Amino acid sequence: MRSGALGSAAIGLTLLAAALGLALPASASASSPLGHSGRWITDAQGRVITLHGINMVYKVAPYDPAGAGFDAEDIDFLARKGFNTVRLGLIYKAIEPNPGSYNDRYLNHVAATQRALARRGIYSLLDFHQDLYNERFQGEGWPDWAVQDDGLPAEPRQGFPGNYLAQPALNRAFDHFWANDPAPDGVGLQDHYARAWSHVAARFRDQPGVLGYDLMNEPWPGSAYPSCTSPAGCPAFDQTQLTAFTVKVIDQIRKVDRRHLAWYEPLLTYDFGAQTWLADPQDGRAGFSFHDYCLPGAFGGPTGDACQSVEDLPFQNADTRSATTGDALMLSEFGATDDLATIGRIIGLADQHMTSWQYWHYCGCSDPTTQAPDNQAIVPNARRAPGGDNLRAKKLKLLARPYPRLVAGTPLRWSFDPATRRFELVYSTARVRGPGRVGGGHSENATPTLQYGRGYRVKVSGAEWRSKANAPILRLRSSRHAREVTVIVKPR
């Protein structure tokens, strides 16, 4: 039975997890949050972790994923298909409904979902999600008390993303936020936001399976946006307002949690190929969370040949970003479409750039900022079981691809051909940072049954195969003197 109420059934989920024997791997224990070494996300042993997963954000009241019907059945479904991460949405309006007053009941509901994900080995990226600032502007995000639009009408109403360009009232609200103008209680709007993040981090800092904190979904520069729309990006805004905001929020998080990764985002225009000029936040546990969308597609236009030339730009810019700052990388949004060619191109690019990813979105979930929310979904209705006419089976098979979940060394390249289902991974046994090799040398590759339902053949050099035949996780141990390991998986 699908309860659709994870948040109010935390005890029941705890008992269910215990009965099923579900547990996180040791690398995700509360005492050892995930870290990073440059661009790579790493576990406590120094192994490189690659994450493949989805977004689960509920943008309407009650704003927690359980309210959309996302429950233990969905979580088990994701784990069985080989996914190991979820970008889990939190809505600021629900967190701080009144200035300085936090809704811990709401956070408990989200925490129940996060714990259930962790028990199935799925890492949660906690995301303060916003689109169009607030419901007044046909979006979601900030509390009503944080809307300061100088009395301008919220017109014209062109929805997402058109209102960013068309509504002076919406842009004025962002202007007041970036200026840190005072809220009704006299405290700055940004200061409230940063303190809310500190409150959330204190709530989740000891929970296993937390990937980290995504500071703000797709920041928008407000009235400065005309200067930010060229491929060169927006140097003035990035280097001042956006950098100051990023540092302010990370500083507040670090007052209560110095272990989990803090993931910051560039402006929304980055998604479509613009550069970012954010200064290095100078945090040793920082990550760069970026998105990849085609601009014509965002406005309902073509998503084929017109997009291919620009979809690699966010990856190239992210590589440059990490090389400069040493921060970790995560493609935390892409997709939002039923166009399989678009999805295939972007996950192919992610493999080429050896980047973890989270597809948008798990369900339709009455998304107010999407014209056809079911088209973006894997499971259109989270209140129903994921199967039959409630499953985008071809999309799921495309996304449920093999990948190196754990690498005891440094990945050099990997690739997957959906037509032949041939997967190849090559990695060095040297640590990603520092001398020597990773202790133990154990690696894991996801080999999803959706790709290898009739089994698979494996060719390995430089390592020993340590798992059962046709297991959904292919486990390897590096040979004692091997400097490089090659793994090739083919269907039987």
Protein backbone atom coordinates (compact mmCIF):
# COMPACT_ATOMS: atom_id res chain seq x y z
CA MET A 1 0.00 0.00 0.00
CA ARG A 2 1.22 3.49 -0.87
CA SER A 3 0.75 5.79 2.09
CA GLY A 4 1.95 9.02 0.45
CA ALA A 5 2.93 10.20 3.94
CA LEU A 6 6.55 9.39 4.63
CA GLY A 7 6.98 12.39 6.88
CA SER A 8 4.22 11.28 9.25
CA ALA A 9 5.29 7.64 9.23
CA ALA A 10 8.91 7.81 10.33
CA ILE A 11 8.48 5.10 12.95
CA GLY A 12 6.87 2.75 10.46
CA LEU A 13 9.68 3.28 8.00
CA THR A 14 12.25 2.62 10.68
CA LEU A 15 10.62 -0.70 11.48
CA LEU A 16 10.30 -1.56 7.79
CA ALA A 17 13.96 -0.82 7.15
CA ALA A 18 14.99 -2.93 10.12
CA ALA A 19 12.83 -5.81 8.93
CA LEU A 20 14.34 -5.68 5.44
CA GLY A 21 17.87 -5.35 6.77
CA LEU A 22 18.51 -2.13 4.90
CA ALA A 23 21.66 -0.20 5.76
CA LEU A 24 24.04 2.30 4.30
CA PRO A 25 27.49 1.22 3.25
CA ALA A 26 30.20 1.97 5.78
CA SER A 27 31.46 4.86 3.65
CA ALA A 28 28.27 6.79 4.43
CA SER A 29 28.35 6.47 8.19
CA ALA A 30 27.49 9.49 10.31
CA SER A 31 31.11 9.74 11.42
CA SER A 32 32.45 9.92 7.87
CA PRO A 33 30.48 12.15 5.47
CA LEU A 34 31.55 12.15 1.86
CA GLY A 35 34.45 14.39 1.00
CA HIS A 36 36.24 15.31 -2.18
CA SER A 37 39.63 15.46 -3.78
CA GLY A 38 39.52 18.15 -6.41
CA ARG A 39 36.68 17.38 -8.82
CA TRP A 40 36.14 13.89 -7.39
CA ILE A 41 33.66 13.01 -4.65
CA THR A 42 35.35 10.56 -2.28
CA ASP A 43 34.50 8.19 0.55
CA ALA A 44 36.29 7.75 3.87
CA GLN A 45 38.82 5.38 2.26
CA GLY A 46 39.72 7.84 -0.46
CA ARG A 47 37.85 5.99 -3.20
CA VAL A 48 36.17 8.02 -5.92
CA ILE A 49 32.37 7.88 -5.79
CA THR A 50 30.25 8.44 -8.88
CA LEU A 51 26.59 9.23 -8.31
CA HIS A 52 23.68 8.66 -10.68
CA GLY A 53 20.19 9.63 -9.59
CA ILE A 54 17.20 11.94 -9.78
CA ASN A 55 15.61 15.08 -8.36
CA MET A 56 12.66 14.84 -5.99
CA VAL A 57 11.25 18.30 -5.22
CA TYR A 58 7.63 19.01 -4.29
CA LYS A 59 6.95 22.66 -5.06
CA VAL A 60 3.45 22.98 -3.61
CA ALA A 61 2.17 22.70 -0.04
CA PRO A 62 3.08 20.82 2.12
CA TYR A 63 6.40 21.07 0.19
CA ASP A 64 7.95 17.79 1.40
CA PRO A 65 8.40 14.84 -0.99
CA ALA A 66 6.13 12.60 1.07
CA GLY A 67 3.30 15.02 0.37
CA ALA A 68 3.65 14.15 -3.33
CA GLY A 69 3.35 10.45 -2.54
CA PHE A 70 7.09 9.70 -2.66
CA ASP A 71 7.52 6.81 -0.23
CA ALA A 72 9.37 3.58 0.57
CA GLU A 73 8.13 1.89 -2.61
CA ASP A 74 9.63 4.65 -4.76
CA ILE A 75 12.88 4.55 -2.83
CA ASP A 76 13.19 0.79 -3.19
CA PHE A 77 12.40 1.16 -6.90
CA LEU A 78 15.26 3.64 -7.37
CA ALA A 79 17.73 1.50 -5.46
CA ARG A 80 16.83 -1.62 -7.45
CA LYS A 81 17.37 0.24 -10.72
CA GLY A 82 20.92 1.16 -9.69
CA PHE A 83 20.51 4.80 -8.64
CA ASN A 84 22.46 6.01 -5.61
CA THR A 85 21.56 9.69 -5.17
CA VAL A 86 18.53 12.00 -4.90
CA ARG A 87 18.52 15.78 -4.94
CA LEU A 88 15.99 16.27 -2.17
CA GLY A 89 14.13 19.57 -2.26
CA LEU A 90 13.42 21.82 0.70
CA ILE A 91 11.31 24.95 0.24
CA TYR A 92 12.45 27.96 2.25
CA LYS A 93 8.85 29.13 2.70
CA ALA A 94 8.12 25.97 4.71
CA ILE A 95 11.34 26.23 6.73
CA GLU A 96 10.91 29.80 8.01
CA PRO A 97 7.19 30.65 7.74
CA ASN A 98 7.69 33.70 9.96
CA PRO A 99 10.87 35.75 10.42
CA GLY A 100 13.20 33.91 12.78
CA SER A 101 10.69 31.09 13.45
CA TYR A 102 11.53 27.65 12.03
CA ASN A 103 9.14 24.83 11.22
CA ASP A 104 10.90 21.81 12.68
CA ARG A 105 7.92 19.60 11.98
CA TYR A 106 8.48 20.20 8.28
CA LEU A 107 12.18 19.41 8.63
CA ASN A 108 11.31 16.20 10.48
CA HIS A 109 9.15 15.14 7.55
CA VAL A 110 11.98 15.76 5.07
CA ALA A 111 14.43 14.02 7.43
CA ALA A 112 12.22 10.92 7.45
CA THR A 113 12.52 10.72 3.67
CA GLN A 114 16.25 11.32 3.83
CA ARG A 115 16.72 8.54 6.38
CA ALA A 116 14.69 6.13 4.25
CA LEU A 117 16.88 6.96 1.25
CA ALA A 118 20.03 6.46 3.31
CA ARG A 119 18.92 3.00 4.42
CA ARG A 120 18.83 1.97 0.77
CA GLY A 121 22.31 3.38 0.10
CA ILE A 122 21.03 6.54 -1.62
CA TYR A 123 22.80 9.83 -0.85
CA SER A 124 20.70 12.99 -0.51
CA LEU A 125 21.75 16.40 -1.76
CA LEU A 126 19.62 18.79 0.32
CA ASP A 127 18.49 21.57 -1.97
CA PHE A 128 16.96 24.96 -1.10
CA HIS A 129 14.81 25.00 -4.22
CA GLN A 130 13.36 28.12 -5.81
CA ASP A 131 11.91 29.10 -9.17
CA LEU A 132 10.55 32.61 -9.70
CA TYR A 133 11.10 33.48 -6.02
CA ASN A 134 7.56 32.93 -4.64
CA GLU A 135 4.01 31.84 -5.52
CA ARG A 136 3.12 35.49 -6.16
CA PHE A 137 5.24 35.22 -9.32
CA GLN A 138 3.95 31.76 -10.33
CA GLY A 139 6.83 29.97 -8.68
CA GLU A 140 8.01 28.79 -5.28
CA GLY A 141 10.81 29.48 -2.83
CA TRP A 142 10.89 32.39 -0.38
CA PRO A 143 8.29 32.98 2.35
CA ASP A 144 5.63 35.58 1.70
CA TRP A 145 7.18 37.90 4.29
CA ALA A 146 10.41 37.96 2.23
CA VAL A 147 8.68 39.28 -0.89
CA GLN A 148 9.52 42.96 -1.39
CA ASP A 149 8.40 44.11 -4.83
CA ASP A 150 7.68 47.78 -4.06
CA GLY A 151 4.00 47.24 -4.82
CA LEU A 152 4.54 46.52 -8.50
CA PRO A 153 1.93 44.27 -10.11
CA ALA A 154 3.00 40.68 -10.76
CA GLU A 155 2.32 41.09 -14.46
CA PRO A 156 2.49 39.95 -17.20
CA ARG A 157 2.06 36.31 -16.20
CA GLN A 158 4.11 34.23 -18.60
CA GLY A 159 5.04 31.43 -16.21
CA PHE A 160 8.48 29.82 -15.98
CA PRO A 161 10.96 30.93 -17.20
CA GLY A 162 9.27 33.82 -19.01
CA ASN A 163 8.47 35.78 -15.86
CA TYR A 164 12.19 36.23 -15.19
CA LEU A 165 12.33 38.40 -18.30
CA ALA A 166 8.86 39.92 -18.21
CA GLN A 167 8.00 40.82 -14.60
CA PRO A 168 9.62 43.91 -13.05
CA ALA A 169 8.00 42.98 -9.70
CA LEU A 170 9.78 39.62 -9.65
CA ASN A 171 13.11 41.20 -10.48
CA ARG A 172 12.58 43.86 -7.82
CA ALA A 173 12.08 41.12 -5.22
CA PHE A 174 15.45 39.62 -6.20
CA ASP A 175 17.04 43.08 -6.09
CA HIS A 176 15.97 43.54 -2.47
CA PHE A 177 17.29 40.09 -1.59
CA TRP A 178 20.73 40.65 -3.17
CA ALA A 179 20.92 44.03 -1.41
CA ASN A 180 20.20 42.27 1.91
CA ASP A 181 17.49 44.81 2.62
CA PRO A 182 15.72 44.42 5.96
CA ALA A 183 12.86 42.01 6.50
CA PRO A 184 9.87 43.08 8.62
CA ASP A 185 11.88 42.36 11.79
CA GLY A 186 14.80 44.55 10.69
CA VAL A 187 17.14 41.63 9.91
CA GLY A 188 18.51 41.45 6.36
CA LEU A 189 16.78 39.11 3.91
CA GLN A 190 20.05 37.35 3.09
CA ASP A 191 20.91 37.10 6.76
CA HIS A 192 17.61 35.32 7.38
CA TYR A 193 18.29 32.94 4.50
CA ALA A 194 21.80 32.11 5.71
CA ARG A 195 20.59 31.53 9.29
CA ALA A 196 17.87 29.24 7.97
CA TRP A 197 20.57 27.19 6.27
CA SER A 198 22.47 27.00 9.55
CA HIS A 199 19.33 25.69 11.23
CA VAL A 200 18.86 23.06 8.53
CA ALA A 201 22.52 22.00 8.66
CA ALA A 202 22.28 21.56 12.43
CA ARG A 203 19.29 19.28 11.86
CA PHE A 204 21.02 17.08 9.27
CA ARG A 205 24.71 17.21 10.25
CA ASP A 206 24.69 13.83 12.04
CA GLN A 207 22.47 11.95 9.61
CA PRO A 208 24.08 9.21 7.49
CA GLY A 209 23.78 9.52 3.75
CA VAL A 210 23.79 13.32 3.40
CA LEU A 211 25.75 14.31 0.30
CA GLY A 212 25.70 17.95 1.33
CA TYR A 213 23.85 21.24 1.02
CA ASP A 214 22.86 22.88 -2.30
CA LEU A 215 22.68 26.54 -1.30
CA MET A 216 20.15 27.87 -3.85
CA ASN A 217 18.63 26.46 -6.99
CA GLU A 218 19.41 28.58 -10.07
CA PRO A 219 20.12 32.03 -8.62
CA TRP A 220 18.69 34.89 -10.68
CA PRO A 221 20.35 38.34 -10.74
CA GLY A 222 17.13 40.38 -10.68
CA SER A 223 17.07 43.65 -12.60
CA ALA A 224 20.73 43.17 -13.59
CA TYR A 225 19.80 40.26 -15.85
CA PRO A 226 20.19 42.10 -19.21
CA SER A 227 23.94 42.37 -18.53
CA CYS A 228 24.13 38.63 -17.77
CA THR A 229 22.66 37.07 -20.90
CA SER A 230 25.73 36.89 -23.16
CA PRO A 231 27.99 33.81 -23.36
CA ALA A 232 30.53 35.77 -21.30
CA GLY A 233 28.16 35.71 -18.34
CA CYS A 234 27.89 38.40 -15.70
CA PRO A 235 31.30 39.23 -14.16
CA ALA A 236 30.18 42.24 -12.11
CA PHE A 237 27.23 40.52 -10.46
CA ASP A 238 29.04 37.20 -9.91
CA GLN A 239 32.12 38.74 -8.35
CA THR A 240 30.15 40.93 -5.96
CA GLN A 241 26.60 39.94 -5.01
CA LEU A 242 26.67 36.22 -5.82
CA THR A 243 30.10 35.63 -4.31
CA ALA A 244 29.21 37.53 -1.14
CA PHE A 245 26.00 35.54 -0.79
CA THR A 246 27.79 32.21 -1.32
CA VAL A 247 30.43 32.99 1.28
CA LYS A 248 27.81 34.26 3.75
CA VAL A 249 25.73 31.07 3.56
CA ILE A 250 28.72 28.73 3.73
CA ASP A 251 30.03 30.63 6.76
CA GLN A 252 26.70 30.14 8.54
CA ILE A 253 26.67 26.43 7.70
CA ARG A 254 30.23 26.03 8.96
CA LYS A 255 29.20 27.37 12.36
CA VAL A 256 27.31 24.11 12.90
CA ASP A 257 28.68 21.64 10.35
CA ARG A 258 32.28 21.58 9.15
CA ARG A 259 32.16 18.10 7.60
CA HIS A 260 29.52 17.96 4.88
CA LEU A 261 30.05 19.37 1.41
CA ALA A 262 28.55 22.79 0.66
CA TRP A 263 27.40 22.92 -2.97
CA TYR A 264 27.05 26.37 -4.53
CA GLU A 265 25.44 27.20 -7.88
CA PRO A 266 26.11 29.72 -10.65
CA LEU A 267 23.43 31.92 -12.17
CA LEU A 268 20.58 30.37 -14.14
CA THR A 269 22.19 31.64 -17.37
CA TYR A 270 25.05 29.17 -16.81
CA ASP A 271 22.63 26.32 -17.61
CA PHE A 272 22.53 27.51 -21.22
CA GLY A 273 26.29 27.90 -21.73
CA ALA A 274 27.19 31.24 -20.13
CA GLN A 275 30.36 31.43 -18.07
CA THR A 276 30.48 32.02 -14.32
CA TRP A 277 32.73 34.53 -12.59
CA LEU A 278 32.06 33.47 -9.03
CA ALA A 279 35.12 33.91 -6.86
CA ASP A 280 36.55 30.88 -5.10
CA PRO A 281 34.59 30.56 -1.81
CA GLN A 282 37.80 29.32 -0.16
CA ASP A 283 36.09 26.42 1.58
CA GLY A 284 37.92 23.09 1.74
CA ARG A 285 34.69 21.10 1.45
CA ALA A 286 32.95 22.98 -1.36
CA GLY A 287 31.30 21.62 -4.47
CA PHE A 288 30.07 23.23 -7.69
CA SER A 289 26.50 22.21 -8.50
CA PHE A 290 25.57 23.03 -12.10
CA HIS A 291 22.77 22.39 -14.61
CA ASP A 292 22.62 21.78 -18.35
CA TYR A 293 19.63 22.81 -20.48
CA CYS A 294 19.12 23.99 -24.04
CA LEU A 295 17.79 27.55 -24.23
CA PRO A 296 15.40 26.92 -27.16
CA GLY A 297 14.06 23.86 -25.36
CA ALA A 298 13.41 25.86 -22.18
CA PHE A 299 10.97 28.02 -24.14
CA GLY A 300 9.29 25.10 -25.90
CA GLY A 301 11.50 25.22 -29.00
CA PRO A 302 13.57 22.49 -30.69
CA THR A 303 15.89 20.30 -28.64
CA GLY A 304 17.77 18.48 -31.38
CA ASP A 305 20.58 19.77 -33.61
CA ALA A 306 20.08 23.32 -32.34
CA CYS A 307 21.14 22.18 -28.87
CA GLN A 308 24.03 19.83 -29.56
CA SER A 309 26.56 22.61 -30.04
CA VAL A 310 25.89 24.24 -26.67
CA GLU A 311 25.21 21.31 -24.33
CA ASP A 312 28.91 20.65 -23.79
CA LEU A 313 29.59 24.22 -22.62
CA PRO A 314 28.36 23.76 -19.01
CA PHE A 315 30.64 20.72 -18.69
CA GLN A 316 33.62 22.55 -20.15
CA ASN A 317 33.03 25.51 -17.85
CA ALA A 318 32.64 23.19 -14.85
CA ASP A 319 35.93 21.45 -15.66
CA THR A 320 37.63 24.83 -15.80
CA ARG A 321 35.95 25.84 -12.57
CA SER A 322 37.20 22.81 -10.66
CA ALA A 323 40.69 23.10 -12.12
CA THR A 324 40.81 26.66 -10.79
CA THR A 325 39.18 26.22 -7.37
CA GLY A 326 39.74 22.52 -6.62
CA ASP A 327 36.01 22.13 -5.85
CA ALA A 328 33.96 18.98 -6.47
CA LEU A 329 31.55 18.73 -9.41
CA MET A 330 27.93 17.60 -9.69
CA LEU A 331 25.49 17.95 -12.59
CA SER A 332 22.48 18.36 -10.31
CA GLU A 333 19.86 19.05 -13.01
CA PHE A 334 19.26 18.19 -16.63
CA GLY A 335 16.55 16.59 -18.71
CA ALA A 336 12.98 17.67 -17.84
CA THR A 337 11.89 16.15 -21.13
CA ASP A 338 10.57 13.05 -22.85
CA ASP A 339 13.04 13.60 -25.68
CA LEU A 340 15.31 10.60 -25.31
CA ALA A 341 17.88 11.96 -27.76
CA THR A 342 18.42 15.04 -25.56
CA ILE A 343 18.76 12.94 -22.42
CA GLY A 344 21.12 10.53 -24.15
CA ARG A 345 23.37 13.33 -25.38
CA ILE A 346 23.75 14.87 -21.95
CA ILE A 347 24.41 11.65 -20.03
CA GLY A 348 26.90 10.74 -22.75
CA LEU A 349 28.65 14.06 -22.13
CA ALA A 350 28.58 13.38 -18.39
CA ASP A 351 30.40 10.10 -19.02
CA GLN A 352 32.96 11.85 -21.23
CA HIS A 353 33.58 14.42 -18.49
CA MET A 354 33.39 11.74 -15.74
CA THR A 355 30.76 13.73 -13.85
CA SER A 356 28.06 12.58 -11.41
CA TRP A 357 24.48 13.53 -12.27
CA GLN A 358 20.89 13.87 -11.03
CA TYR A 359 18.09 13.80 -13.61
CA TRP A 360 15.13 16.20 -13.40
CA HIS A 361 12.61 14.81 -12.36
CA TYR A 362 11.26 11.69 -10.63
CA CYS A 363 7.55 12.55 -10.89
CA GLY A 364 5.18 15.09 -12.44
CA CYS A 365 4.18 16.17 -8.94
CA SER A 366 1.90 19.07 -9.94
CA ASP A 367 4.94 21.20 -10.79
CA PRO A 368 3.70 24.82 -11.09
CA THR A 369 6.72 25.90 -13.15
CA THR A 370 6.41 23.25 -15.87
CA GLN A 371 3.80 23.32 -18.64
CA ALA A 372 3.77 19.52 -19.02
CA PRO A 373 5.20 18.11 -15.76
CA ASP A 374 4.48 14.49 -16.66
CA ASN A 375 6.81 14.82 -19.65
CA GLN A 376 9.77 15.48 -17.35
CA ALA A 377 8.99 12.49 -15.14
CA ILE A 378 10.19 8.93 -14.84
CA VAL A 379 7.08 8.11 -12.79
CA PRO A 380 4.30 10.61 -13.64
CA ASN A 381 2.25 10.04 -10.47
CA ALA A 382 4.19 9.34 -7.27
CA ARG A 383 0.96 8.35 -5.52
CA ARG A 384 0.77 5.26 -7.71
CA ALA A 385 3.14 2.32 -8.01
CA PRO A 386 6.03 2.86 -10.47
CA GLY A 387 5.04 0.57 -13.31
CA GLY A 388 2.77 0.02 -16.31
CA ASP A 389 1.31 3.26 -17.66
CA ASN A 390 2.81 5.06 -14.65
CA LEU A 391 6.37 4.51 -15.83
CA ARG A 392 8.38 6.05 -18.66
CA ALA A 393 10.11 2.75 -19.33
CA LYS A 394 12.31 3.84 -22.25
CA LYS A 395 13.52 6.88 -20.34
CA LEU A 396 14.25 4.75 -17.27
CA LYS A 397 16.28 2.26 -19.31
CA LEU A 398 18.27 5.08 -20.85
CA LEU A 399 19.10 6.52 -17.42
CA ALA A 400 19.74 3.20 -15.67
CA ARG A 401 23.13 2.70 -17.27
CA PRO A 402 26.32 1.10 -15.90
CA TYR A 403 28.79 3.37 -14.15
CA PRO A 404 31.71 3.18 -11.68
CA ARG A 405 30.08 3.60 -8.26
CA LEU A 406 33.39 3.26 -6.38
CA VAL A 407 36.89 3.44 -7.83
CA ALA A 408 39.92 2.52 -5.73
CA GLY A 409 42.16 4.88 -7.64
CA THR A 410 41.77 7.63 -10.23
CA PRO A 411 39.28 7.27 -13.08
CA LEU A 412 40.85 7.85 -16.49
CA ARG A 413 37.80 7.31 -18.69
CA TRP A 414 34.55 5.39 -18.96
CA SER A 415 31.89 4.96 -21.61
CA PHE A 416 28.67 3.10 -22.36
CA ASP A 417 27.12 2.36 -25.75
CA PRO A 418 23.32 1.98 -25.33
CA ALA A 419 23.04 0.19 -28.69
CA THR A 420 25.51 -2.62 -27.89
CA ARG A 421 25.35 -2.20 -24.09
CA ARG A 422 29.14 -2.32 -23.95
CA PHE A 423 30.62 -0.59 -20.89
CA GLU A 424 34.30 0.17 -20.50
CA LEU A 425 36.13 1.66 -17.52
CA VAL A 426 39.81 2.45 -17.22
CA TYR A 427 41.34 3.70 -14.00
CA SER A 428 44.72 4.16 -12.40
CA THR A 429 45.34 2.46 -9.07
CA ALA A 430 47.02 5.64 -7.79
CA ARG A 431 45.15 7.79 -5.27
CA VAL A 432 43.39 10.85 -6.61
CA ARG A 433 45.53 12.90 -4.25
CA GLY A 434 48.76 12.09 -2.47
CA PRO A 435 51.19 9.21 -2.93
CA GLY A 436 50.39 5.50 -2.92
CA ARG A 437 47.27 3.48 -3.57
CA VAL A 438 43.87 3.33 -1.92
CA GLY A 439 43.92 0.81 0.91
CA GLY A 440 42.20 -2.47 0.03
CA GLY A 441 41.78 -1.66 -3.64
CA HIS A 442 38.06 -2.58 -3.73
CA SER A 443 36.00 -1.02 -6.53
CA GLU A 444 32.33 -1.35 -7.50
CA ASN A 445 30.62 -0.96 -10.86
CA ALA A 446 26.86 -0.72 -11.28
CA THR A 447 25.61 -3.25 -13.83
CA PRO A 448 21.82 -2.64 -13.84
CA THR A 449 19.51 -5.51 -14.68
CA LEU A 450 17.64 -3.21 -17.09
CA GLN A 451 20.73 -3.41 -19.29
CA TYR A 452 21.89 -6.93 -18.45
CA GLY A 453 18.72 -8.83 -17.64
CA ARG A 454 20.07 -11.97 -19.32
CA GLY A 455 23.46 -11.62 -17.71
CA TYR A 456 26.76 -10.15 -18.76
CA ARG A 457 30.33 -11.10 -19.61
CA VAL A 458 33.28 -9.36 -18.01
CA LYS A 459 36.85 -8.87 -19.19
CA VAL A 460 39.18 -7.44 -16.56
CA SER A 461 42.88 -6.64 -16.55
CA GLY A 462 44.75 -5.40 -13.49
CA ALA A 463 42.10 -6.58 -11.02
CA GLU A 464 40.24 -9.64 -9.77
CA TRP A 465 36.49 -10.14 -10.10
CA ARG A 466 35.05 -10.54 -6.57
CA SER A 467 31.25 -10.70 -7.05
CA LYS A 468 28.80 -13.37 -8.14
CA ALA A 469 28.10 -13.85 -11.82
CA ASN A 470 25.60 -11.32 -13.21
CA ALA A 471 25.34 -9.46 -9.88
CA PRO A 472 23.86 -5.93 -10.18
CA ILE A 473 27.05 -4.66 -8.53
CA LEU A 474 30.31 -5.88 -10.05
CA ARG A 475 32.98 -5.88 -7.34
CA LEU A 476 36.70 -5.83 -8.11
CA ARG A 477 39.95 -5.87 -6.20
CA SER A 478 43.04 -4.36 -7.79
CA SER A 479 45.95 -6.72 -8.36
CA ARG A 480 48.92 -6.11 -6.10
CA HIS A 481 51.28 -4.61 -8.67
CA ALA A 482 48.79 -3.28 -11.21
CA ARG A 483 49.11 0.38 -12.11
CA GLU A 484 46.03 0.46 -14.30
CA VAL A 485 42.75 -1.46 -14.39
CA THR A 486 40.51 -1.99 -17.41
CA VAL A 487 36.98 -3.36 -17.09
CA ILE A 488 34.80 -4.28 -20.07
CA VAL A 489 31.21 -5.45 -19.60
CA LYS A 490 29.09 -6.88 -22.44
CA PRO A 491 25.66 -8.53 -22.46
CA ARG A 492 25.49 -12.29 -22.83
